[in-house]
C-alpha atoms as a PDB file:
ATOM      1  CA  MET A   1     156.127  72.027 100.336  1.00  0.00           C
ATOM      2  CA  ARG A   2     156.398  70.174  97.538  1.00  0.00           C
ATOM      3  CA  ALA A   3     153.296  68.959  95.398  1.00  0.00           C
ATOM      4  CA  LEU A   4     150.425  70.992  96.082  1.00  0.00           C
ATOM      5  CA  ALA A   5     146.421  69.007  97.989  1.00  0.00           C
ATOM      6  CA  ARG A   6     144.076  70.428  98.364  1.00  0.00           C
ATOM      7  CA  ALA A   7     141.759  71.668 101.550  1.00  0.00           C
ATOM      8  CA  SER A   8     139.605  68.831 102.966  1.00  0.00           C
ATOM      9  CA  VAL A   9     135.875  69.570 103.494  1.00  0.00           C
ATOM     10  CA  ARG A  10     136.569  70.229 107.156  1.00  0.00           C
ATOM     11  CA  GLU A  11     139.029  73.140 106.266  1.00  0.00           C
ATOM     12  CA  GLU A  12     142.608  70.832 107.529  1.00  0.00           C
ATOM     13  CA  PHE A  13     144.957  73.125 105.088  1.00  0.00           C
ATOM     14  CA  SER A  14     148.134  72.425 106.419  1.00  0.00           C
ATOM     15  CA  ALA A  15     149.755  69.068 104.788  1.00  0.00           C
ATOM     16  CA  HIS A  16     150.358  66.197 107.557  1.00  0.00           C
ATOM     17  CA  GLY A  17     147.562  67.894 110.213  1.00  0.00           C
ATOM     18  CA  GLU A  18     150.016  70.263 111.524  1.00  0.00           C
ATOM     19  CA  ASP A  19     146.768  72.380 111.961  1.00  0.00           C
ATOM     20  CA  ALA A  20     146.406  70.970 115.179  1.00  0.00           C
ATOM     21  CA  VAL A  21     150.022  70.910 116.730  1.00  0.00           C
ATOM     22  CA  ILE A  22     149.750  74.396 115.938  1.00  0.00           C
ATOM     23  CA  THR A  23     146.489  74.957 118.314  1.00  0.00           C
ATOM     24  CA  ARG A  24     147.718  72.637 120.762  1.00  0.00           C
ATOM     25  CA  LEU A  25     151.001  74.690 121.325  1.00  0.00           C
ATOM     26  CA  LEU A  26     148.944  77.671 121.089  1.00  0.00           C
ATOM     27  CA  ALA A  27     146.078  76.967 124.354  1.00  0.00           C
ATOM     28  CA  GLN A  28     149.985  76.553 125.971  1.00  0.00           C
ATOM     29  CA  LEU A  29     150.653  79.675 124.708  1.00  0.00           C
ATOM     30  CA  PRO A  30     147.746  82.162 126.582  1.00  0.00           C
ATOM     31  CA  GLN A  31     149.695  85.363 125.940  1.00  0.00           C
ATOM     32  CA  ILE A  32     151.182  84.891 122.456  1.00  0.00           C
ATOM     33  CA  GLU A  33     150.472  87.857 120.379  1.00  0.00           C
ATOM     34  CA  ARG A  34     148.745  87.356 117.515  1.00  0.00           C
ATOM     35  CA  SER A  35     150.470  87.698 114.471  1.00  0.00           C
ATOM     36  CA  CYS A  36     152.531  85.116 112.290  1.00  0.00           C
ATOM     37  CA  VAL A  37     154.703  85.348 108.910  1.00  0.00           C
ATOM     38  CA  ASP A  38     154.999  83.069 106.859  1.00  0.00           C
ATOM     39  CA  LEU A  39     158.128  82.688 105.027  1.00  0.00           C
ATOM     40  CA  ALA A  40     156.967  80.695 101.502  1.00  0.00           C
ATOM     41  CA  ALA A  41     153.101  81.149 101.619  1.00  0.00           C
ATOM     42  CA  SER A  42     152.216  79.004  98.515  1.00  0.00           C
ATOM     43  CA  ASP A  43     149.066  79.906  97.154  1.00  0.00           C
ATOM     44  CA  GLY A  44     147.661  80.341 100.754  1.00  0.00           C
ATOM     45  CA  VAL A  45     145.752  78.163 101.600  1.00  0.00           C
ATOM     46  CA  ASN A  46     146.910  74.750 100.045  1.00  0.00           C
ATOM     47  CA  LEU A  47     148.942  73.025 103.074  1.00  0.00           C
ATOM     48  CA  SER A  48     148.859  76.200 104.945  1.00  0.00           C
ATOM     49  CA  ASN A  49     150.433  76.054 108.426  1.00  0.00           C
ATOM     50  CA  THR A  50     149.321  80.213 108.487  1.00  0.00           C
ATOM     51  CA  LEU A  51     145.106  80.056 106.711  1.00  0.00           C
ATOM     52  CA  ARG A  52     144.144  79.338 110.117  1.00  0.00           C
ATOM     53  CA  LEU A  53     145.383  81.683 112.156  1.00  0.00           C
ATOM     54  CA  TYR A  54     144.553  84.764 109.216  1.00  0.00           C
ATOM     55  CA  ARG A  55     140.527  82.964 109.634  1.00  0.00           C
ATOM     56  CA  ASP A  56     140.422  83.720 113.644  1.00  0.00           C
ATOM     57  CA  GLY A  57     142.223  87.181 112.974  1.00  0.00           C
ATOM     58  CA  TRP A  58     145.763  87.246 113.610  1.00  0.00           C
ATOM     59  CA  SER A  59     147.829  89.955 111.627  1.00  0.00           C
ATOM     60  CA  GLY A  60     150.995  89.154 109.839  1.00  0.00           C
ATOM     61  CA  LEU A  61     153.026  89.000 107.341  1.00  0.00           C
ATOM     62  CA  ALA A  62     153.077  86.594 103.614  1.00  0.00           C
ATOM     63  CA  PHE A  63     155.381  85.667 101.138  1.00  0.00           C
ATOM     64  CA  ASP A  64     156.176  83.967  98.113  1.00  0.00           C
ATOM     65  CA  ALA A  65     157.887  84.288  94.983  1.00  0.00           C
ATOM     66  CA  ASP A  66     155.635  82.556  92.177  1.00  0.00           C
ATOM     67  CA  SER A  67     153.478  84.914  90.611  1.00  0.00           C
ATOM     68  CA  ALA A  68     150.840  82.933  89.840  1.00  0.00           C
ATOM     69  CA  LEU A  69     150.687  80.903  93.253  1.00  0.00           C
ATOM     70  CA  PHE A  70     151.465  85.102  95.011  1.00  0.00           C
ATOM     71  CA  ALA A  71     147.967  85.575  92.999  1.00  0.00           C
ATOM     72  CA  HIS A  72     145.984  82.847  94.597  1.00  0.00           C
ATOM     73  CA  LEU A  73     147.430  83.960  97.851  1.00  0.00           C
ATOM     74  CA  ALA A  74     146.645  87.978  96.673  1.00  0.00           C
ATOM     75  CA  ALA A  75     143.172  86.312  96.067  1.00  0.00           C
ATOM     76  CA  THR A  76     142.739  84.390  99.531  1.00  0.00           C
ATOM     77  CA  HIS A  77     143.332  87.198 101.472  1.00  0.00           C
ATOM     78  CA  ARG A  78     141.351  89.931  99.685  1.00  0.00           C
ATOM     79  CA  ARG A  79     139.297  90.551 102.636  1.00  0.00           C
ATOM     80  CA  SER A  80     142.049  89.977 105.119  1.00  0.00           C
ATOM     81  CA  PRO A  81     143.462  93.730 105.082  1.00  0.00           C
ATOM     82  CA  GLN A  82     145.608  93.101 108.626  1.00  0.00           C
ATOM     83  CA  VAL A  83     147.516  90.637 106.339  1.00  0.00           C
ATOM     84  CA  ALA A  84     150.380  91.404 104.085  1.00  0.00           C
ATOM     85  CA  LEU A  85     151.756  89.626 101.115  1.00  0.00           C
ATOM     86  CA  VAL A  86     154.995  90.334  99.552  1.00  0.00           C
ATOM     87  CA  ARG A  87     156.079  88.705  96.444  1.00  0.00           C
ATOM     88  CA  THR A  88     159.916  87.994  96.649  1.00  0.00           C
ATOM     89  CA  PHE A  89     162.305  85.677  97.692  1.00  0.00           C
ATOM     90  CA  VAL A  90     163.386  86.120 100.699  1.00  0.00           C
ATOM     91  CA  ASP A  91     167.511  85.268 101.767  1.00  0.00           C
ATOM     92  CA  PRO A  92     169.320  85.891 105.135  1.00  0.00           C
ATOM     93  CA  GLN A  93     170.382  89.712 103.186  1.00  0.00           C
ATOM     94  CA  ASN A  94     167.047  91.042 103.426  1.00  0.00           C
ATOM     95  CA  VAL A  95     164.610  88.875 105.633  1.00  0.00           C
ATOM     96  CA  CYS A  96     165.242  91.037 108.673  1.00  0.00           C
ATOM     97  CA  ALA A  97     165.305  94.204 105.963  1.00  0.00           C
ATOM     98  CA  LEU A  98     161.419  92.913 104.661  1.00  0.00           C
ATOM     99  CA  LEU A  99     160.055  92.363 108.569  1.00  0.00           C
ATOM    100  CA  SER A 100     161.662  95.799 109.576  1.00  0.00           C
ATOM    101  CA  ALA A 101     159.686  97.011 106.271  1.00  0.00           C
ATOM    102  CA  HIS A 102     156.320  96.168 107.596  1.00  0.00           C
ATOM    103  CA  ARG A 103     156.333  96.608 110.981  1.00  0.00           C
ATOM    104  CA  ILE A 104     156.346  93.316 111.525  1.00  0.00           C
ATOM    105  CA  SER A 105     157.378  93.120 115.990  1.00  0.00           C
ATOM    106  CA  ALA A 106     160.217  91.969 117.672  1.00  0.00           C
ATOM    107  CA  THR A 107     158.329  88.929 119.246  1.00  0.00           C
ATOM    108  CA  PHE A 108     155.593  88.233 116.434  1.00  0.00           C
ATOM    109  CA  GLY A 109     153.723  85.113 118.025  1.00  0.00           C
ATOM    110  CA  PHE A 110     154.354  82.765 114.602  1.00  0.00           C
ATOM    111  CA  LEU A 111     157.352  81.779 112.077  1.00  0.00           C
ATOM    112  CA  ASN A 112     156.261  79.440 109.388  1.00  0.00           C
ATOM    113  CA  LEU A 113     159.489  78.644 107.439  1.00  0.00           C
ATOM    114  CA  ASP A 114     159.040  76.102 104.489  1.00  0.00           C
ATOM    115  CA  ILE A 115     161.264  78.111 100.759  1.00  0.00           C
ATOM    116  CA  ASP A 116     162.427  74.119 100.510  1.00  0.00           C
ATOM    117  CA  SER A 117     166.616  75.404 100.025  1.00  0.00           C
ATOM    118  CA  TYR A 118     168.564  77.792 102.599  1.00  0.00           C
ATOM    119  CA  ASP A 119     166.179  77.847 105.258  1.00  0.00           C
ATOM    120  CA  TYR A 120     168.776  77.666 107.689  1.00  0.00           C
ATOM    121  CA  PHE A 121     170.703  80.576 107.229  1.00  0.00           C
ATOM    122  CA  VAL A 122     167.425  82.597 106.564  1.00  0.00           C
ATOM    123  CA  LEU A 123     166.573  81.729 110.301  1.00  0.00           C
ATOM    124  CA  GLU A 124     170.172  82.283 111.733  1.00  0.00           C
ATOM    125  CA  ALA A 125     169.410  85.725 109.991  1.00  0.00           C
ATOM    126  CA  LEU A 126     166.342  86.473 111.746  1.00  0.00           C
ATOM    127  CA  LEU A 127     166.832  85.172 115.168  1.00  0.00           C
ATOM    128  CA  GLU A 128     169.299  88.425 115.463  1.00  0.00           C
ATOM    129  CA  THR A 129     166.714  90.466 115.826  1.00  0.00           C
ATOM    130  CA  TYR A 130     163.953  88.582 115.529  1.00  0.00           C
ATOM    131  CA  ARG A 131     162.049  86.021 118.917  1.00  0.00           C
ATOM    132  CA  PRO A 132     159.111  84.456 117.766  1.00  0.00           C
ATOM    133  CA  THR A 133     157.128  82.688 120.647  1.00  0.00           C
ATOM    134  CA  LEU A 134     156.700  80.002 118.547  1.00  0.00           C
ATOM    135  CA  ILE A 135     158.896  78.184 114.721  1.00  0.00           C
ATOM    136  CA  CYS A 136     157.775  75.675 112.837  1.00  0.00           C
ATOM    137  CA  THR A 137     160.089  74.669 110.616  1.00  0.00           C
ATOM    138  CA  GLU A 138     159.870  71.907 107.407  1.00  0.00           C
ATOM    139  CA  ILE A 139     162.653  69.136 107.993  1.00  0.00           C
ATOM    140  CA  GLN A 140     164.782  66.984 106.124  1.00  0.00           C
ATOM    141  CA  GLU A 141     162.947  64.226 106.687  1.00  0.00           C
ATOM    142  CA  ILE A 142     165.114  61.409 105.900  1.00  0.00           C
ATOM    143  CA  ILE A 143     168.335  62.548 107.724  1.00  0.00           C
ATOM    144  CA  PRO A 144     167.924  60.876 110.980  1.00  0.00           C
ATOM    145  CA  PRO A 145     169.179  62.543 114.728  1.00  0.00           C
ATOM    146  CA  PRO A 146     172.394  63.139 115.665  1.00  0.00           C
ATOM    147  CA  VAL A 147     173.059  64.291 111.137  1.00  0.00           C
ATOM    148  CA  ARG A 148     173.171  68.080 110.742  1.00  0.00           C
ATOM    149  CA  PHE A 149     172.745  69.119 107.956  1.00  0.00           C
ATOM    150  CA  ALA A 150     171.848  72.044 105.766  1.00  0.00           C
ATOM    151  CA  VAL A 151     171.931  73.819 102.286  1.00  0.00           C
ATOM    152  CA  LYS A 152     173.671  77.164 102.218  1.00  0.00           C
ATOM    153  CA  TYR A 153     172.749  80.071 100.648  1.00  0.00           C
ATOM    154  CA  SER A 154     173.768  81.093  96.993  1.00  0.00           C
ATOM    155  CA  ASP A 155     171.749  83.364  94.916  1.00  0.00           C
ATOM    156  CA  VAL A 156     171.554  80.778  92.020  1.00  0.00           C
ATOM    157  CA  PHE A 157     169.318  77.362  94.037  1.00  0.00           C
ATOM    158  CA  GLU A 158     169.245  74.929  91.047  1.00  0.00           C
ATOM    159  CA  PRO A 159     168.972  71.578  93.061  1.00  0.00           C
ATOM    160  CA  LYS A 160     169.511  68.229  91.443  1.00  0.00           C
ATOM    161  CA  ASN A 161     168.276  66.386  93.640  1.00  0.00           C
ATOM    162  CA  PRO A 162     164.703  66.431  95.287  1.00  0.00           C
ATOM    163  CA  HIS A 163     166.147  65.857  98.972  1.00  0.00           C
ATOM    164  CA  PHE A 164     168.677  68.178  98.281  1.00  0.00           C
ATOM    165  CA  PHE A 165     166.298  71.250 100.709  1.00  0.00           C
ATOM    166  CA  GLY A 166     166.798  72.777 103.601  1.00  0.00           C
ATOM    167  CA  HIS A 167     168.444  71.271 106.904  1.00  0.00           C
ATOM    168  CA  SER A 168     167.917  68.239 109.023  1.00  0.00           C
ATOM    169  CA  LEU A 169     166.249  68.241 113.030  1.00  0.00           C
ATOM    170  CA  SER A 170     169.479  67.709 114.436  1.00  0.00           C
ATOM    171  CA  GLN A 171     170.860  71.747 112.538  1.00  0.00           C
ATOM    172  CA  VAL A 172     168.201  73.046 113.184  1.00  0.00           C
ATOM    173  CA  SER A 173     168.061  72.298 116.609  1.00  0.00           C
ATOM    174  CA  GLU A 174     170.670  72.510 117.393  1.00  0.00           C
ATOM    175  CA  LEU A 175     170.681  76.697 116.358  1.00  0.00           C
ATOM    176  CA  LEU A 176     167.840  77.109 117.996  1.00  0.00           C
ATOM    177  CA  ARG A 177     168.910  76.003 121.274  1.00  0.00           C
ATOM    178  CA  ARG A 178     171.637  78.403 121.679  1.00  0.00           C
ATOM    179  CA  SER A 179     169.359  80.439 120.914  1.00  0.00           C
ATOM    180  CA  GLY A 180     166.931  80.086 123.945  1.00  0.00           C
ATOM    181  CA  TYR A 181     164.165  77.473 122.231  1.00  0.00           C
ATOM    182  CA  ASP A 182     162.768  73.826 122.866  1.00  0.00           C
ATOM    183  CA  LEU A 183     161.666  71.766 120.485  1.00  0.00           C
ATOM    184  CA  ALA A 184     158.009  70.930 122.170  1.00  0.00           C
ATOM    185  CA  ALA A 185     157.131  68.347 118.937  1.00  0.00           C
ATOM    186  CA  VAL A 186     157.650  66.477 115.842  1.00  0.00           C
ATOM    187  CA  HIS A 187     155.492  65.892 113.147  1.00  0.00           C
ATOM    188  CA  TYR A 188     156.001  63.808 110.499  1.00  0.00           C
ATOM    189  CA  ASN A 189     158.680  66.137 108.812  1.00  0.00           C
ATOM    190  CA  ASN A 190     157.975  69.831 110.803  1.00  0.00           C
ATOM    191  CA  ALA A 191     159.159  71.287 113.721  1.00  0.00           C
ATOM    192  CA  PHE A 192     157.809  72.831 116.211  1.00  0.00           C
ATOM    193  CA  PHE A 193     160.271  74.621 119.053  1.00  0.00           C
ATOM    194  CA  VAL A 194     159.217  77.525 121.460  1.00  0.00           C
ATOM    195  CA  GLU A 195     160.814  80.136 122.948  1.00  0.00           C
ATOM    196  CA  ARG A 196     162.619  79.153 126.579  1.00  0.00           C
ATOM    197  CA  GLY A 197     160.864  80.461 129.547  1.00  0.00           C
ATOM    198  CA  HIS A 198     156.488  79.256 128.449  1.00  0.00           C
ATOM    199  CA  GLY A 199     157.044  76.011 130.031  1.00  0.00           C
ATOM    200  CA  ILE A 200     155.939  73.912 127.451  1.00  0.00           C
ATOM    201  CA  ARG A 201     158.024  70.516 127.842  1.00  0.00           C
ATOM    202  CA  SER A 202     161.267  69.941 125.842  1.00  0.00           C
ATOM    203  CA  LEU A 203     161.925  66.576 124.013  1.00  0.00           C
ATOM    204  CA  ASP A 204     165.368  65.609 122.332  1.00  0.00           C
ATOM    205  CA  ASP A 205     165.770  65.496 118.991  1.00  0.00           C
ATOM    206  CA  GLU A 206     165.912  61.502 118.700  1.00  0.00           C
ATOM    207  CA  THR A 207     162.860  61.300 120.835  1.00  0.00           C
ATOM    208  CA  ALA A 208     161.142  63.769 119.301  1.00  0.00           C
ATOM    209  CA  PHE A 209     162.207  62.176 116.140  1.00  0.00           C
ATOM    210  CA  ARG A 210     161.459  58.956 116.302  1.00  0.00           C
ATOM    211  CA  GLU A 211     157.507  59.462 118.531  1.00  0.00           C
ATOM    212  CA  GLY A 212     156.485  62.206 115.106  1.00  0.00           C
ATOM    213  CA  TYR A 213     158.309  60.948 112.449  1.00  0.00           C
ATOM    214  CA  VAL A 214     159.603  57.276 111.946  1.00  0.00           C
ATOM    215  CA  GLU A 215     156.884  55.465 114.415  1.00  0.00           C
ATOM    216  CA  GLN A 216     153.849  57.385 112.514  1.00  0.00           C
ATOM    217  CA  PRO A 217     152.192  54.264 111.363  1.00  0.00           C
ATOM    218  CA  ASP A 218     151.181  56.068 108.081  1.00  0.00           C
ATOM    219  CA  ARG A 219     154.289  57.410 107.345  1.00  0.00           C
ATOM    220  CA  THR A 220     155.232  55.193 104.556  1.00  0.00           C
ATOM    221  CA  SER A 221     152.440  56.187 102.589  1.00  0.00           C
ATOM    222  CA  ARG A 222     152.333  59.718 103.739  1.00  0.00           C
ATOM    223  CA  PHE A 223     156.380  59.889 102.528  1.00  0.00           C
ATOM    224  CA  ALA A 224     156.020  57.112  99.847  1.00  0.00           C
ATOM    225  CA  TYR A 225     158.891  58.949  97.455  1.00  0.00           C
ATOM    226  CA  ASN A 226     161.370  58.013 100.728  1.00  0.00           C
ATOM    227  CA  ALA A 227     160.667  54.494 100.798  1.00  0.00           C
ATOM    228  CA  GLU A 228     164.644  54.134  99.213  1.00  0.00           C
ATOM    229  CA  TYR A 229     165.870  55.836 102.263  1.00  0.00           C
ATOM    230  CA  ASP A 230     164.127  54.401 104.889  1.00  0.00           C
ATOM    231  CA  GLU A 231     167.493  52.163 105.492  1.00  0.00           C
ATOM    232  CA  LEU A 232     168.548  55.502 106.849  1.00  0.00           C
ATOM    233  CA  LEU A 233     166.571  55.834 109.710  1.00  0.00           C
ATOM    234  CA  GLU A 234     168.755  53.309 111.846  1.00  0.00           C
ATOM    235  CA  ALA A 235     172.126  53.544 110.789  1.00  0.00           C
ATOM    236  CA  ASP A 236     174.802  54.223 112.234  1.00  0.00           C
ATOM    237  CA  PRO A 237     174.819  57.779 111.773  1.00  0.00           C
ATOM    238  CA  ALA A 238     179.053  57.699 109.995  1.00  0.00           C
ATOM    239  CA  VAL A 239     177.130  56.276 107.223  1.00  0.00           C
ATOM    240  CA  VAL A 240     173.880  58.039 106.252  1.00  0.00           C
ATOM    241  CA  VAL A 241     177.367  60.432 106.203  1.00  0.00           C
ATOM    242  CA  ASP A 242     178.596  58.629 103.794  1.00  0.00           C
ATOM    243  CA  ARG A 243     175.153  57.438 101.373  1.00  0.00           C
ATOM    244  CA  LEU A 244     173.724  61.529 101.772  1.00  0.00           C
ATOM    245  CA  LYS A 245     176.877  62.349 100.244  1.00  0.00           C
ATOM    246  CA  ASN A 246     177.016  59.931  97.036  1.00  0.00           C
ATOM    247  CA  LEU A 247     172.906  60.961  96.815  1.00  0.00           C
ATOM    248  CA  TYR A 248     174.896  65.072  96.624  1.00  0.00           C
ATOM    249  CA  ALA A 249     176.932  63.866  94.703  1.00  0.00           C
ATOM    250  CA  GLY A 250     175.610  65.943  91.549  1.00  0.00           C
ATOM    251  CA  GLU A 251     175.225  69.621  94.011  1.00  0.00           C
ATOM    252  CA  ARG A 252     177.320  72.853  93.539  1.00  0.00           C
ATOM    253  CA  PRO A 253     180.580  71.630  95.266  1.00  0.00           C
ATOM    254  CA  GLY A 254     180.725  73.977  99.157  1.00  0.00           C
ATOM    255  CA  SER A 255     176.680  74.107  98.812  1.00  0.00           C
ATOM    256  CA  TYR A 256     176.269  72.297 101.737  1.00  0.00           C
ATOM    257  CA  THR A 257     177.346  71.490 104.870  1.00  0.00           C
ATOM    258  CA  LEU A 258     176.968  68.245 106.199  1.00  0.00           C
ATOM    259  CA  GLU A 259     178.217  65.796 109.899  1.00  0.00           C
ATOM    260  CA  ALA A 260     177.691  63.538 111.747  1.00  0.00           C
END
């Protein structure tokens, strides 16, 4: 999720215009259940992909473990009785129990996933019980398809490198495709998947990543902190894997999966 940015006067809450992508996809899903789950909601306003939905009357469940951010989250939704809030860390072992305890429907409408750690394994566990229609998940944008990378679950997550988090597009895309989802869009460092059968065009990883991230005209200014890794975007997958192994050399052994 990275550094917080102030919401604009036009009430564009998301980091890079994800609100517009969500609105476009929802317009093609008229029968969607109007409920959402936000895993790592931060303060509920800045960089939020769900506040616009909640303000439009959607119900749901929002999580954050940080005490200061959670206080802001609670203030944001103090007049939103349809939004339940939980201050806790979400992991693969508790995610389904937490959703069940708050009576989240198995077919809830929208999942926002951005916990900056072992996101892949939380999603894998969630999909054993739940079938959100639309999923937005942050991707590790310095890792191009077809390289697959994911941080493994651990009850102690203390990364040494700021680029050590989450999963690559191809890693999460593989999971979701075999779970019955299609890749609908990549928008900078977020990927959007729709449950199969809703008539939304499916994209392949390479095309979606190139159009949604690599070829965005303002990418290098928005993601200036990725400049030293831009060479990976055009590199051979084997080269990408070797470079990432060096990048993550300081991480705990066995703490991630990585393959071309």
